[in-house]
Amino acid sequence: MELLKELFSSSFGIMSAIVILFMIGMGAFFTILFVKKAYEAPVPQSEQRKNKQ
């Protein structure tokens, strides 16, 4: 309990908590993004060539 008081009472502790939460959120976002992309059907090469030109 004392550690939580110290974490949220100093500016360094608050910034550390924000960074930790941001990194957890970013990890969750990219995990969901990559899992969705893994289950998508691949784009045929003929369509890829059309998009590049």
N, C-alpha and C. Protein backbone atom coordinates (compact mmCIF):
# COMPACT_ATOMS: atom_id res chain seq x y z
N MET A 1 0.83 -1.19 0.00
CA MET A 1 0.00 0.00 0.00
C MET A 1 0.87 1.25 0.00
N GLU A 2 1.96 1.19 0.73
CA GLU A 2 2.88 2.33 0.79
C GLU A 2 3.48 2.63 -0.59
N LEU A 3 3.73 1.58 -1.35
CA LEU A 3 4.29 1.78 -2.69
C LEU A 3 3.31 2.52 -3.60
N LEU A 4 2.02 2.20 -3.49
CA LEU A 4 1.02 2.90 -4.31
C LEU A 4 0.92 4.37 -3.93
N LYS A 5 0.99 4.67 -2.65
CA LYS A 5 0.97 6.07 -2.21
C LYS A 5 2.16 6.83 -2.79
N GLU A 6 3.32 6.19 -2.72
CA GLU A 6 4.53 6.82 -3.24
C GLU A 6 4.46 6.98 -4.77
N LEU A 7 3.88 5.98 -5.44
CA LEU A 7 3.77 6.03 -6.90
C LEU A 7 2.90 7.20 -7.35
N PHE A 8 1.77 7.42 -6.69
CA PHE A 8 0.83 8.44 -7.13
C PHE A 8 1.01 9.79 -6.45
N SER A 9 2.00 9.92 -5.58
CA SER A 9 2.19 11.20 -4.91
C SER A 9 3.30 12.05 -5.54
N SER A 10 4.17 11.44 -6.32
CA SER A 10 5.24 12.21 -6.95
C SER A 10 4.99 12.34 -8.45
N SER A 11 5.56 13.37 -9.04
CA SER A 11 5.38 13.57 -10.48
C SER A 11 6.05 12.46 -11.28
N PHE A 12 7.18 11.95 -10.78
CA PHE A 12 7.85 10.85 -11.47
C PHE A 12 7.00 9.59 -11.43
N GLY A 13 6.35 9.35 -10.31
CA GLY A 13 5.50 8.17 -10.18
C GLY A 13 4.29 8.23 -11.08
N ILE A 14 3.68 9.41 -11.15
CA ILE A 14 2.50 9.57 -12.01
C ILE A 14 2.89 9.38 -13.48
N MET A 15 4.00 9.97 -13.88
CA MET A 15 4.46 9.81 -15.26
C MET A 15 4.79 8.34 -15.55
N SER A 16 5.38 7.65 -14.61
CA SER A 16 5.68 6.23 -14.79
C SER A 16 4.41 5.42 -14.96
N ALA A 17 3.40 5.71 -14.16
CA ALA A 17 2.12 5.00 -14.27
C ALA A 17 1.47 5.27 -15.63
N ILE A 18 1.54 6.51 -16.10
CA ILE A 18 0.97 6.85 -17.40
C ILE A 18 1.70 6.09 -18.51
N VAL A 19 3.01 6.05 -18.44
CA VAL A 19 3.79 5.35 -19.47
C VAL A 19 3.48 3.85 -19.45
N ILE A 20 3.39 3.27 -18.27
CA ILE A 20 3.08 1.84 -18.16
C ILE A 20 1.70 1.55 -18.75
N LEU A 21 0.71 2.35 -18.42
CA LEU A 21 -0.64 2.15 -18.96
C LEU A 21 -0.66 2.35 -20.48
N PHE A 22 0.07 3.34 -20.96
CA PHE A 22 0.14 3.58 -22.41
C PHE A 22 0.75 2.38 -23.12
N MET A 23 1.82 1.83 -22.58
CA MET A 23 2.48 0.69 -23.21
C MET A 23 1.58 -0.54 -23.20
N ILE A 24 0.85 -0.77 -22.13
CA ILE A 24 -0.09 -1.89 -22.08
C ILE A 24 -1.19 -1.70 -23.12
N GLY A 25 -1.71 -0.48 -23.22
CA GLY A 25 -2.74 -0.19 -24.22
C GLY A 25 -2.22 -0.36 -25.64
N MET A 26 -1.01 0.10 -25.89
CA MET A 26 -0.41 -0.02 -27.21
C MET A 26 -0.18 -1.50 -27.56
N GLY A 27 0.26 -2.28 -26.58
CA GLY A 27 0.44 -3.71 -26.82
C GLY A 27 -0.87 -4.41 -27.15
N ALA A 28 -1.93 -4.05 -26.44
CA ALA A 28 -3.24 -4.64 -26.72
C ALA A 28 -3.73 -4.23 -28.10
N PHE A 29 -3.55 -2.96 -28.46
CA PHE A 29 -3.98 -2.48 -29.78
C PHE A 29 -3.27 -3.24 -30.89
N PHE A 30 -1.95 -3.36 -30.80
CA PHE A 30 -1.20 -4.03 -31.86
C PHE A 30 -1.49 -5.53 -31.89
N THR A 31 -1.73 -6.13 -30.74
CA THR A 31 -2.09 -7.55 -30.72
C THR A 31 -3.40 -7.77 -31.47
N ILE A 32 -4.40 -6.94 -31.19
CA ILE A 32 -5.69 -7.06 -31.88
C ILE A 32 -5.52 -6.79 -33.37
N LEU A 33 -4.76 -5.77 -33.71
CA LEU A 33 -4.53 -5.43 -35.12
C LEU A 33 -3.87 -6.58 -35.87
N PHE A 34 -2.83 -7.17 -35.29
CA PHE A 34 -2.11 -8.24 -35.97
C PHE A 34 -2.95 -9.50 -36.07
N VAL A 35 -3.74 -9.79 -35.05
CA VAL A 35 -4.61 -10.98 -35.11
C VAL A 35 -5.66 -10.80 -36.20
N LYS A 36 -6.24 -9.61 -36.31
CA LYS A 36 -7.21 -9.36 -37.38
C LYS A 36 -6.56 -9.49 -38.75
N LYS A 37 -5.36 -8.93 -38.91
CA LYS A 37 -4.66 -9.00 -40.20
C LYS A 37 -4.29 -10.44 -40.55
N ALA A 38 -4.00 -11.26 -39.55
CA ALA A 38 -3.61 -12.64 -39.80
C ALA A 38 -4.76 -13.45 -40.37
N TYR A 39 -5.99 -13.10 -40.02
CA TYR A 39 -7.15 -13.84 -40.49
C TYR A 39 -7.76 -13.27 -41.77
N GLU A 40 -7.25 -12.17 -42.29
CA GLU A 40 -7.74 -11.61 -43.55
C GLU A 40 -7.24 -12.45 -44.72
N ALA A 41 -8.02 -12.48 -45.77
CA ALA A 41 -7.60 -13.18 -46.99
C ALA A 41 -6.51 -12.36 -47.66
N PRO A 42 -5.49 -13.01 -48.20
CA PRO A 42 -4.43 -12.25 -48.88
C PRO A 42 -4.94 -11.62 -50.16
N VAL A 43 -4.37 -10.49 -50.52
CA VAL A 43 -4.74 -9.78 -51.74
C VAL A 43 -4.00 -10.44 -52.90
N PRO A 44 -4.72 -10.81 -53.97
CA PRO A 44 -4.04 -11.42 -55.13
C PRO A 44 -2.99 -10.48 -55.73
N GLN A 45 -1.96 -11.06 -56.36
CA GLN A 45 -0.86 -10.25 -56.89
C GLN A 45 -1.32 -9.35 -58.02
N SER A 46 -2.32 -9.76 -58.81
CA SER A 46 -2.79 -8.92 -59.90
C SER A 46 -3.40 -7.62 -59.36
N GLU A 47 -4.10 -7.69 -58.24
CA GLU A 47 -4.66 -6.48 -57.63
C GLU A 47 -3.57 -5.61 -57.02
N GLN A 48 -2.53 -6.24 -56.48
CA GLN A 48 -1.43 -5.47 -55.90
C GLN A 48 -0.73 -4.66 -56.99
N ARG A 49 -0.56 -5.26 -58.17
CA ARG A 49 0.11 -4.55 -59.27
C ARG A 49 -0.73 -3.37 -59.74
N LYS A 50 -2.06 -3.53 -59.78
CA LYS A 50 -2.94 -2.45 -60.21
C LYS A 50 -2.86 -1.27 -59.24
N ASN A 51 -2.78 -1.56 -57.97
CA ASN A 51 -2.72 -0.50 -56.96
C ASN A 51 -1.41 0.26 -57.01
N LYS A 52 -0.32 -0.39 -57.41
CA LYS A 52 0.98 0.28 -57.45
C LYS A 52 1.10 1.20 -58.66
N GLN A 53 0.39 0.90 -59.74
CA GLN A 53 0.52 1.71 -60.96
C GLN A 53 -0.34 2.91 -60.94
